[in-house]
Amino acid sequence: MPQDSGMTQILFLYVPIGLIFYFLVIRPQRQQQKKMKLMLANLKKNDEVVTNSGIHGTVVILKDRSVVLRVDENCRIEFDRDAIAAVKSNEVKPEVVK
């Protein structure tokens, strides 16, 4: 009975662990980052948004790296684009076919 080499044992142990790690951690994170990047690229004036800190507001001015939100009637706050967590919408958007 021939003995298995160390490389074979490593192959059968680490490759499945690497694949599981990829499909459970790396791939979903990349998909979420892609969705977030698309959402930030599609921001437009009058979109209702929520920031990472939980502030709700309406987009008034779009700049390259920041967004000015109207939070109240006479209150405007400037945020980095990366601080936008979600866009609230009342309309139903069609599913994107992959």
PDB file of N, CA and C in Angstrom:
ATOM      1  N   MET A   1       0.838  -1.172   0.000  1.00  0.00           N
ATOM      2  CA  MET A   1       0.000   0.000   0.000  1.00  0.00           C
ATOM      3  C   MET A   1       0.891   1.245   0.000  1.00  0.00           C
ATOM      4  N   PRO A   2       0.845   2.038  -1.079  1.00  0.00           N
ATOM      5  CA  PRO A   2       1.707   3.217  -1.140  1.00  0.00           C
ATOM      6  C   PRO A   2       1.212   4.304  -0.182  1.00  0.00           C
ATOM      7  N   GLN A   3       2.150   5.055   0.339  1.00  0.00           N
ATOM      8  CA  GLN A   3       1.810   6.136   1.253  1.00  0.00           C
ATOM      9  C   GLN A   3       1.474   7.395   0.452  1.00  0.00           C
ATOM     10  N   ASP A   4       0.472   8.133   0.958  1.00  0.00           N
ATOM     11  CA  ASP A   4       0.106   9.393   0.308  1.00  0.00           C
ATOM     12  C   ASP A   4       1.179  10.441   0.596  1.00  0.00           C
ATOM     13  N   SER A   5       1.455  11.236  -0.392  1.00  0.00           N
ATOM     14  CA  SER A   5       2.424  12.302  -0.179  1.00  0.00           C
ATOM     15  C   SER A   5       1.762  13.457   0.567  1.00  0.00           C
ATOM     16  N   GLY A   6       2.551  14.315   1.113  1.00  0.00           N
ATOM     17  CA  GLY A   6       2.043  15.466   1.853  1.00  0.00           C
ATOM     18  C   GLY A   6       1.253  16.413   0.965  1.00  0.00           C
ATOM     19  N   MET A   7       1.647  16.500  -0.300  1.00  0.00           N
ATOM     20  CA  MET A   7       0.941  17.395  -1.227  1.00  0.00           C
ATOM     21  C   MET A   7      -0.488  16.927  -1.466  1.00  0.00           C
ATOM     22  N   THR A   8      -0.705  15.654  -1.553  1.00  0.00           N
ATOM     23  CA  THR A   8      -2.053  15.125  -1.772  1.00  0.00           C
ATOM     24  C   THR A   8      -2.938  15.434  -0.580  1.00  0.00           C
ATOM     25  N   GLN A   9      -2.404  15.271   0.614  1.00  0.00           N
ATOM     26  CA  GLN A   9      -3.180  15.575   1.811  1.00  0.00           C
ATOM     27  C   GLN A   9      -3.528  17.057   1.867  1.00  0.00           C
ATOM     28  N   ILE A  10      -2.587  17.899   1.542  1.00  0.00           N
ATOM     29  CA  ILE A  10      -2.823  19.344   1.532  1.00  0.00           C
ATOM     30  C   ILE A  10      -3.885  19.691   0.496  1.00  0.00           C
ATOM     31  N   LEU A  11      -3.783  19.064  -0.674  1.00  0.00           N
ATOM     32  CA  LEU A  11      -4.732  19.327  -1.738  1.00  0.00           C
ATOM     33  C   LEU A  11      -6.155  18.979  -1.318  1.00  0.00           C
ATOM     34  N   PHE A  12      -6.344  17.825  -0.716  1.00  0.00           N
ATOM     35  CA  PHE A  12      -7.677  17.381  -0.325  1.00  0.00           C
ATOM     36  C   PHE A  12      -8.203  18.113   0.907  1.00  0.00           C
ATOM     37  N   LEU A  13      -7.340  18.771   1.645  1.00  0.00           N
ATOM     38  CA  LEU A  13      -7.777  19.492   2.831  1.00  0.00           C
ATOM     39  C   LEU A  13      -8.009  20.976   2.553  1.00  0.00           C
ATOM     40  N   TYR A  14      -7.056  21.638   1.934  1.00  0.00           N
ATOM     41  CA  TYR A  14      -7.110  23.085   1.801  1.00  0.00           C
ATOM     42  C   TYR A  14      -7.922  23.586   0.603  1.00  0.00           C
ATOM     43  N   VAL A  15      -7.968  22.834  -0.466  1.00  0.00           N
ATOM     44  CA  VAL A  15      -8.739  23.276  -1.625  1.00  0.00           C
ATOM     45  C   VAL A  15     -10.234  23.361  -1.300  1.00  0.00           C
ATOM     46  N   PRO A  16     -10.850  22.348  -0.692  1.00  0.00           N
ATOM     47  CA  PRO A  16     -12.273  22.491  -0.339  1.00  0.00           C
ATOM     48  C   PRO A  16     -12.518  23.621   0.672  1.00  0.00           C
ATOM     49  N   ILE A  17     -11.617  23.792   1.617  1.00  0.00           N
ATOM     50  CA  ILE A  17     -11.770  24.878   2.588  1.00  0.00           C
ATOM     51  C   ILE A  17     -11.688  26.223   1.875  1.00  0.00           C
ATOM     52  N   GLY A  18     -10.780  26.356   0.942  1.00  0.00           N
ATOM     53  CA  GLY A  18     -10.655  27.588   0.167  1.00  0.00           C
ATOM     54  C   GLY A  18     -11.898  27.868  -0.669  1.00  0.00           C
ATOM     55  N   LEU A  19     -12.452  26.838  -1.290  1.00  0.00           N
ATOM     56  CA  LEU A  19     -13.672  27.011  -2.089  1.00  0.00           C
ATOM     57  C   LEU A  19     -14.858  27.410  -1.221  1.00  0.00           C
ATOM     58  N   ILE A  20     -14.998  26.775  -0.071  1.00  0.00           N
ATOM     59  CA  ILE A  20     -16.088  27.124   0.850  1.00  0.00           C
ATOM     60  C   ILE A  20     -15.938  28.571   1.308  1.00  0.00           C
ATOM     61  N   PHE A  21     -14.729  28.964   1.666  1.00  0.00           N
ATOM     62  CA  PHE A  21     -14.462  30.337   2.101  1.00  0.00           C
ATOM     63  C   PHE A  21     -14.815  31.323   0.992  1.00  0.00           C
ATOM     64  N   TYR A  22     -14.440  30.999  -0.255  1.00  0.00           N
ATOM     65  CA  TYR A  22     -14.725  31.884  -1.380  1.00  0.00           C
ATOM     66  C   TYR A  22     -16.229  32.072  -1.553  1.00  0.00           C
ATOM     67  N   PHE A  23     -16.991  30.977  -1.568  1.00  0.00           N
ATOM     68  CA  PHE A  23     -18.424  31.075  -1.841  1.00  0.00           C
ATOM     69  C   PHE A  23     -19.223  31.608  -0.659  1.00  0.00           C
ATOM     70  N   LEU A  24     -18.731  31.496   0.552  1.00  0.00           N
ATOM     71  CA  LEU A  24     -19.472  31.984   1.704  1.00  0.00           C
ATOM     72  C   LEU A  24     -19.070  33.393   2.142  1.00  0.00           C
ATOM     73  N   VAL A  25     -17.864  33.830   1.799  1.00  0.00           N
ATOM     74  CA  VAL A  25     -17.394  35.124   2.291  1.00  0.00           C
ATOM     75  C   VAL A  25     -17.055  36.086   1.151  1.00  0.00           C
ATOM     76  N   ILE A  26     -16.142  35.718   0.306  1.00  0.00           N
ATOM     77  CA  ILE A  26     -15.588  36.646  -0.679  1.00  0.00           C
ATOM     78  C   ILE A  26     -16.606  37.008  -1.758  1.00  0.00           C
ATOM     79  N   ARG A  27     -17.255  36.028  -2.357  1.00  0.00           N
ATOM     80  CA  ARG A  27     -18.186  36.285  -3.456  1.00  0.00           C
ATOM     81  C   ARG A  27     -19.375  37.146  -3.030  1.00  0.00           C
ATOM     82  N   PRO A  28     -20.061  36.845  -1.915  1.00  0.00           N
ATOM     83  CA  PRO A  28     -21.171  37.716  -1.509  1.00  0.00           C
ATOM     84  C   PRO A  28     -20.729  39.141  -1.199  1.00  0.00           C
ATOM     85  N   GLN A  29     -19.548  39.291  -0.627  1.00  0.00           N
ATOM     86  CA  GLN A  29     -19.050  40.635  -0.315  1.00  0.00           C
ATOM     87  C   GLN A  29     -18.794  41.425  -1.602  1.00  0.00           C
ATOM     88  N   ARG A  30     -18.238  40.790  -2.604  1.00  0.00           N
ATOM     89  CA  ARG A  30     -18.000  41.466  -3.884  1.00  0.00           C
ATOM     90  C   ARG A  30     -19.312  41.867  -4.547  1.00  0.00           C
ATOM     91  N   GLN A  31     -20.308  40.996  -4.475  1.00  0.00           N
ATOM     92  CA  GLN A  31     -21.608  41.327  -5.063  1.00  0.00           C
ATOM     93  C   GLN A  31     -22.233  42.519  -4.345  1.00  0.00           C
ATOM     94  N   GLN A  32     -22.122  42.561  -3.035  1.00  0.00           N
ATOM     95  CA  GLN A  32     -22.685  43.676  -2.277  1.00  0.00           C
ATOM     96  C   GLN A  32     -21.946  44.974  -2.601  1.00  0.00           C
ATOM     97  N   GLN A  33     -20.634  44.911  -2.731  1.00  0.00           N
ATOM     98  CA  GLN A  33     -19.867  46.099  -3.093  1.00  0.00           C
ATOM     99  C   GLN A  33     -20.261  46.605  -4.481  1.00  0.00           C
ATOM    100  N   LYS A  34     -20.521  45.689  -5.398  1.00  0.00           N
ATOM    101  CA  LYS A  34     -20.931  46.073  -6.744  1.00  0.00           C
ATOM    102  C   LYS A  34     -22.298  46.761  -6.719  1.00  0.00           C
ATOM    103  N   LYS A  35     -23.236  46.238  -5.927  1.00  0.00           N
ATOM    104  CA  LYS A  35     -24.558  46.861  -5.799  1.00  0.00           C
ATOM    105  C   LYS A  35     -24.445  48.255  -5.196  1.00  0.00           C
ATOM    106  N   MET A  36     -23.608  48.406  -4.170  1.00  0.00           N
ATOM    107  CA  MET A  36     -23.441  49.698  -3.512  1.00  0.00           C
ATOM    108  C   MET A  36     -22.835  50.713  -4.473  1.00  0.00           C
ATOM    109  N   LYS A  37     -21.836  50.297  -5.236  1.00  0.00           N
ATOM    110  CA  LYS A  37     -21.200  51.191  -6.196  1.00  0.00           C
ATOM    111  C   LYS A  37     -22.202  51.632  -7.265  1.00  0.00           C
ATOM    112  N   LEU A  38     -23.038  50.721  -7.728  1.00  0.00           N
ATOM    113  CA  LEU A  38     -24.059  51.036  -8.718  1.00  0.00           C
ATOM    114  C   LEU A  38     -25.098  51.997  -8.142  1.00  0.00           C
ATOM    115  N   MET A  39     -25.511  51.764  -6.889  1.00  0.00           N
ATOM    116  CA  MET A  39     -26.482  52.635  -6.237  1.00  0.00           C
ATOM    117  C   MET A  39     -25.934  54.055  -6.120  1.00  0.00           C
ATOM    118  N   LEU A  40     -24.678  54.200  -5.698  1.00  0.00           N
ATOM    119  CA  LEU A  40     -24.080  55.528  -5.548  1.00  0.00           C
ATOM    120  C   LEU A  40     -23.882  56.214  -6.895  1.00  0.00           C
ATOM    121  N   ALA A  41     -23.606  55.446  -7.919  1.00  0.00           N
ATOM    122  CA  ALA A  41     -23.424  56.036  -9.250  1.00  0.00           C
ATOM    123  C   ALA A  41     -24.754  56.521  -9.828  1.00  0.00           C
ATOM    124  N   ASN A  42     -25.854  55.896  -9.418  1.00  0.00           N
ATOM    125  CA  ASN A  42     -27.171  56.254  -9.954  1.00  0.00           C
ATOM    126  C   ASN A  42     -27.934  57.246  -9.088  1.00  0.00           C
ATOM    127  N   LEU A  43     -27.292  57.837  -8.092  1.00  0.00           N
ATOM    128  CA  LEU A  43     -27.960  58.854  -7.273  1.00  0.00           C
ATOM    129  C   LEU A  43     -28.335  60.046  -8.138  1.00  0.00           C
ATOM    130  N   LYS A  44     -29.508  60.593  -7.870  1.00  0.00           N
ATOM    131  CA  LYS A  44     -29.926  61.785  -8.605  1.00  0.00           C
ATOM    132  C   LYS A  44     -30.662  62.731  -7.672  1.00  0.00           C
ATOM    133  N   LYS A  45     -30.844  63.927  -8.123  1.00  0.00           N
ATOM    134  CA  LYS A  45     -31.509  64.954  -7.329  1.00  0.00           C
ATOM    135  C   LYS A  45     -32.932  64.489  -6.980  1.00  0.00           C
ATOM    136  N   ASN A  46     -33.360  64.819  -5.769  1.00  0.00           N
ATOM    137  CA  ASN A  46     -34.675  64.489  -5.215  1.00  0.00           C
ATOM    138  C   ASN A  46     -34.830  63.031  -4.787  1.00  0.00           C
ATOM    139  N   ASP A  47     -33.755  62.238  -4.827  1.00  0.00           N
ATOM    140  CA  ASP A  47     -33.809  60.883  -4.260  1.00  0.00           C
ATOM    141  C   ASP A  47     -33.868  60.981  -2.744  1.00  0.00           C
ATOM    142  N   GLU A  48     -34.704  60.164  -2.141  1.00  0.00           N
ATOM    143  CA  GLU A  48     -34.736  60.103  -0.681  1.00  0.00           C
ATOM    144  C   GLU A  48     -33.757  59.017  -0.252  1.00  0.00           C
ATOM    145  N   VAL A  49     -32.845  59.384   0.657  1.00  0.00           N
ATOM    146  CA  VAL A  49     -31.783  58.469   1.057  1.00  0.00           C
ATOM    147  C   VAL A  49     -31.697  58.375   2.577  1.00  0.00           C
ATOM    148  N   VAL A  50     -30.995  57.334   3.024  1.00  0.00           N
ATOM    149  CA  VAL A  50     -30.681  57.139   4.434  1.00  0.00           C
ATOM    150  C   VAL A  50     -29.171  57.005   4.530  1.00  0.00           C
ATOM    151  N   THR A  51     -28.565  57.722   5.477  1.00  0.00           N
ATOM    152  CA  THR A  51     -27.113  57.647   5.648  1.00  0.00           C
ATOM    153  C   THR A  51     -26.753  56.520   6.601  1.00  0.00           C
ATOM    154  N   ASN A  52     -25.460  56.231   6.691  1.00  0.00           N
ATOM    155  CA  ASN A  52     -24.981  55.202   7.614  1.00  0.00           C
ATOM    156  C   ASN A  52     -25.301  55.539   9.060  1.00  0.00           C
ATOM    157  N   SER A  53     -25.422  56.820   9.370  1.00  0.00           N
ATOM    158  CA  SER A  53     -25.716  57.236  10.737  1.00  0.00           C
ATOM    159  C   SER A  53     -27.216  57.279  11.011  1.00  0.00           C
ATOM    160  N   GLY A  54     -28.036  56.953  10.008  1.00  0.00           N
ATOM    161  CA  GLY A  54     -29.479  56.887  10.209  1.00  0.00           C
ATOM    162  C   GLY A  54     -30.222  58.165   9.896  1.00  0.00           C
ATOM    163  N   ILE A  55     -29.556  59.134   9.295  1.00  0.00           N
ATOM    164  CA  ILE A  55     -30.209  60.392   8.949  1.00  0.00           C
ATOM    165  C   ILE A  55     -30.938  60.226   7.620  1.00  0.00           C
ATOM    166  N   HIS A  56     -32.211  60.611   7.599  1.00  0.00           N
ATOM    167  CA  HIS A  56     -33.024  60.549   6.388  1.00  0.00           C
ATOM    168  C   HIS A  56     -33.043  61.929   5.756  1.00  0.00           C
ATOM    169  N   GLY A  57     -32.899  61.970   4.443  1.00  0.00           N
ATOM    170  CA  GLY A  57     -32.916  63.249   3.766  1.00  0.00           C
ATOM    171  C   GLY A  57     -33.174  63.099   2.285  1.00  0.00           C
ATOM    172  N   THR A  58     -33.263  64.240   1.613  1.00  0.00           N
ATOM    173  CA  THR A  58     -33.498  64.282   0.172  1.00  0.00           C
ATOM    174  C   THR A  58     -32.288  64.919  -0.495  1.00  0.00           C
ATOM    175  N   VAL A  59     -31.814  64.304  -1.566  1.00  0.00           N
ATOM    176  CA  VAL A  59     -30.641  64.813  -2.285  1.00  0.00           C
ATOM    177  C   VAL A  59     -30.996  66.138  -2.937  1.00  0.00           C
ATOM    178  N   VAL A  60     -30.181  67.156  -2.653  1.00  0.00           N
ATOM    179  CA  VAL A  60     -30.385  68.486  -3.222  1.00  0.00           C
ATOM    180  C   VAL A  60     -29.294  68.789  -4.241  1.00  0.00           C
ATOM    181  N   ILE A  61     -28.052  68.517  -3.872  1.00  0.00           N
ATOM    182  CA  ILE A  61     -26.913  68.807  -4.746  1.00  0.00           C
ATOM    183  C   ILE A  61     -26.005  67.578  -4.789  1.00  0.00           C
ATOM    184  N   LEU A  62     -25.602  67.196  -5.994  1.00  0.00           N
ATOM    185  CA  LEU A  62     -24.643  66.106  -6.182  1.00  0.00           C
ATOM    186  C   LEU A  62     -23.305  66.701  -6.585  1.00  0.00           C
ATOM    187  N   LYS A  63     -22.264  66.331  -5.854  1.00  0.00           N
ATOM    188  CA  LYS A  63     -20.909  66.747  -6.189  1.00  0.00           C
ATOM    189  C   LYS A  63     -20.114  65.488  -6.526  1.00  0.00           C
ATOM    190  N   ASP A  64     -18.847  65.665  -6.890  1.00  0.00           N
ATOM    191  CA  ASP A  64     -18.032  64.503  -7.248  1.00  0.00           C
ATOM    192  C   ASP A  64     -17.916  63.500  -6.106  1.00  0.00           C
ATOM    193  N   ARG A  65     -17.551  63.974  -4.938  1.00  0.00           N
ATOM    194  CA  ARG A  65     -17.309  63.067  -3.813  1.00  0.00           C
ATOM    195  C   ARG A  65     -18.281  63.251  -2.657  1.00  0.00           C
ATOM    196  N   SER A  66     -19.200  64.187  -2.798  1.00  0.00           N
ATOM    197  CA  SER A  66     -20.126  64.430  -1.696  1.00  0.00           C
ATOM    198  C   SER A  66     -21.539  64.686  -2.214  1.00  0.00           C
ATOM    199  N   VAL A  67     -22.465  64.690  -1.275  1.00  0.00           N
ATOM    200  CA  VAL A  67     -23.878  64.896  -1.568  1.00  0.00           C
ATOM    201  C   VAL A  67     -24.425  65.848  -0.514  1.00  0.00           C
ATOM    202  N   VAL A  68     -25.214  66.822  -0.931  1.00  0.00           N
ATOM    203  CA  VAL A  68     -25.876  67.713   0.020  1.00  0.00           C
ATOM    204  C   VAL A  68     -27.312  67.226   0.164  1.00  0.00           C
ATOM    205  N   LEU A  69     -27.699  66.952   1.422  1.00  0.00           N
ATOM    206  CA  LEU A  69     -29.040  66.462   1.713  1.00  0.00           C
ATOM    207  C   LEU A  69     -29.850  67.536   2.418  1.00  0.00           C
ATOM    208  N   ARG A  70     -31.131  67.630   2.047  1.00  0.00           N
ATOM    209  CA  ARG A  70     -32.067  68.480   2.774  1.00  0.00           C
ATOM    210  C   ARG A  70     -32.704  67.591   3.835  1.00  0.00           C
ATOM    211  N   VAL A  71     -32.420  67.923   5.096  1.00  0.00           N
ATOM    212  CA  VAL A  71     -32.891  67.117   6.207  1.00  0.00           C
ATOM    213  C   VAL A  71     -34.187  67.688   6.762  1.00  0.00           C
ATOM    214  N   ASP A  72     -34.291  69.004   6.774  1.00  0.00           N
ATOM    215  CA  ASP A  72     -35.480  69.705   7.239  1.00  0.00           C
ATOM    216  C   ASP A  72     -35.686  70.898   6.310  1.00  0.00           C
ATOM    217  N   GLU A  73     -36.684  71.704   6.560  1.00  0.00           N
ATOM    218  CA  GLU A  73     -36.997  72.792   5.634  1.00  0.00           C
ATOM    219  C   GLU A  73     -35.831  73.747   5.427  1.00  0.00           C
ATOM    220  N   ASN A  74     -35.139  74.132   6.470  1.00  0.00           N
ATOM    221  CA  ASN A  74     -34.023  75.065   6.333  1.00  0.00           C
ATOM    222  C   ASN A  74     -32.705  74.444   6.767  1.00  0.00           C
ATOM    223  N   CYS A  75     -32.598  73.152   6.667  1.00  0.00           N
ATOM    224  CA  CYS A  75     -31.387  72.467   7.127  1.00  0.00           C
ATOM    225  C   CYS A  75     -30.831  71.582   6.019  1.00  0.00           C
ATOM    226  N   ARG A  76     -29.607  71.892   5.605  1.00  0.00           N
ATOM    227  CA  ARG A  76     -28.907  71.088   4.604  1.00  0.00           C
ATOM    228  C   ARG A  76     -27.588  70.619   5.208  1.00  0.00           C
ATOM    229  N   ILE A  77     -27.266  69.366   4.949  1.00  0.00           N
ATOM    230  CA  ILE A  77     -26.034  68.779   5.470  1.00  0.00           C
ATOM    231  C   ILE A  77     -25.296  68.121   4.312  1.00  0.00           C
ATOM    232  N   GLU A  78     -23.981  68.314   4.277  1.00  0.00           N
ATOM    233  CA  GLU A  78     -23.164  67.702   3.230  1.00  0.00           C
ATOM    234  C   GLU A  78     -22.527  66.417   3.769  1.00  0.00           C
ATOM    235  N   PHE A  79     -22.659  65.348   3.015  1.00  0.00           N
ATOM    236  CA  PHE A  79     -22.111  64.042   3.371  1.00  0.00           C
ATOM    237  C   PHE A  79     -21.208  63.547   2.256  1.00  0.00           C
ATOM    238  N   ASP A  80     -20.243  62.697   2.607  1.00  0.00           N
ATOM    239  CA  ASP A  80     -19.498  61.962   1.589  1.00  0.00           C
ATOM    240  C   ASP A  80     -20.462  61.005   0.904  1.00  0.00           C
ATOM    241  N   ARG A  81     -20.224  60.722  -0.359  1.00  0.00           N
ATOM    242  CA  ARG A  81     -21.090  59.765  -1.064  1.00  0.00           C
ATOM    243  C   ARG A  81     -21.070  58.397  -0.378  1.00  0.00           C
ATOM    244  N   ASP A  82     -19.926  58.037   0.179  1.00  0.00           N
ATOM    245  CA  ASP A  82     -19.809  56.728   0.831  1.00  0.00           C
ATOM    246  C   ASP A  82     -20.656  56.617   2.089  1.00  0.00           C
ATOM    247  N   ALA A  83     -21.146  57.744   2.605  1.00  0.00           N
ATOM    248  CA  ALA A  83     -21.978  57.717   3.814  1.00  0.00           C
ATOM    249  C   ALA A  83     -23.429  57.357   3.510  1.00  0.00           C
ATOM    250  N   ILE A  84     -23.800  57.294   2.237  1.00  0.00           N
ATOM    251  CA  ILE A  84     -25.165  56.932   1.865  1.00  0.00           C
ATOM    252  C   ILE A  84     -25.294  55.417   1.966  1.00  0.00           C
ATOM    253  N   ALA A  85     -26.241  54.968   2.804  1.00  0.00           N
ATOM    254  CA  ALA A  85     -26.428  53.532   3.015  1.00  0.00           C
ATOM    255  C   ALA A  85     -27.491  52.952   2.104  1.00  0.00           C
ATOM    256  N   ALA A  86     -28.547  53.727   1.823  1.00  0.00           N
ATOM    257  CA  ALA A  86     -29.645  53.194   1.012  1.00  0.00           C
ATOM    258  C   ALA A  86     -30.419  54.329   0.374  1.00  0.00           C
ATOM    259  N   VAL A  87     -31.052  54.007  -0.731  1.00  0.00           N
ATOM    260  CA  VAL A  87     -31.958  54.931  -1.402  1.00  0.00           C
ATOM    261  C   VAL A  87     -33.365  54.408  -1.177  1.00  0.00           C
ATOM    262  N   LYS A  88     -34.212  55.249  -0.581  1.00  0.00           N
ATOM    263  CA  LYS A  88     -35.611  54.866  -0.382  1.00  0.00           C
ATOM    264  C   LYS A  88     -36.362  55.213  -1.654  1.00  0.00           C
ATOM    265  N   SER A  89     -37.211  54.310  -2.100  1.00  0.00           N
ATOM    266  CA  SER A  89     -38.006  54.613  -3.283  1.00  0.00           C
ATOM    267  C   SER A  89     -39.412  54.079  -3.101  1.00  0.00           C
ATOM    268  N   ASN A  90     -40.367  54.815  -3.611  1.00  0.00           N
ATOM    269  CA  ASN A  90     -41.754  54.405  -3.543  1.00  0.00           C
ATOM    270  C   ASN A  90     -42.163  53.605  -4.760  1.00  0.00           C
ATOM    271  N   GLU A  91     -41.379  53.711  -5.813  1.00  0.00           N
ATOM    272  CA  GLU A  91     -41.729  52.998  -7.031  1.00  0.00           C
ATOM    273  C   GLU A  91     -41.106  51.606  -7.016  1.00  0.00           C
ATOM    274  N   VAL A  92     -41.740  50.687  -7.702  1.00  0.00           N
ATOM    275  CA  VAL A  92     -41.240  49.320  -7.785  1.00  0.00           C
ATOM    276  C   VAL A  92     -40.311  49.242  -8.982  1.00  0.00           C
ATOM    277  N   LYS A  93     -39.079  48.816  -8.741  1.00  0.00           N
ATOM    278  CA  LYS A  93     -38.108  48.719  -9.806  1.00  0.00           C
ATOM    279  C   LYS A  93     -38.075  47.277 -10.312  1.00  0.00           C
ATOM    280  N   PRO A  94     -37.960  47.071 -11.624  1.00  0.00           N
ATOM    281  CA  PRO A  94     -37.888  45.714 -12.144  1.00  0.00           C
ATOM    282  C   PRO A  94     -36.587  45.035 -11.730  1.00  0.00           C
ATOM    283  N   GLU A  95     -36.646  43.728 -11.597  1.00  0.00           N
ATOM    284  CA  GLU A  95     -35.466  42.949 -11.227  1.00  0.00           C
ATOM    285  C   GLU A  95     -34.456  42.988 -12.379  1.00  0.00           C
ATOM    286  N   VAL A  96     -33.202  43.066 -12.025  1.00  0.00           N
ATOM    287  CA  VAL A  96     -32.142  43.044 -13.012  1.00  0.00           C
ATOM    288  C   VAL A  96     -31.807  41.598 -13.312  1.00  0.00           C
ATOM    289  N   VAL A  97     -31.860  41.230 -14.573  1.00  0.00           N
ATOM    290  CA  VAL A  97     -31.571  39.859 -14.972  1.00  0.00           C
ATOM    291  C   VAL A  97     -30.066  39.695 -15.073  1.00  0.00           C
ATOM    292  N   LYS A  98     -29.554  38.658 -14.427  1.00  0.00           N
ATOM    293  CA  LYS A  98     -28.103  38.422 -14.434  1.00  0.00           C
ATOM    294  C   LYS A  98     -27.707  37.502 -15.550  1.00  0.00           C
TER     295      LYS A  98
END
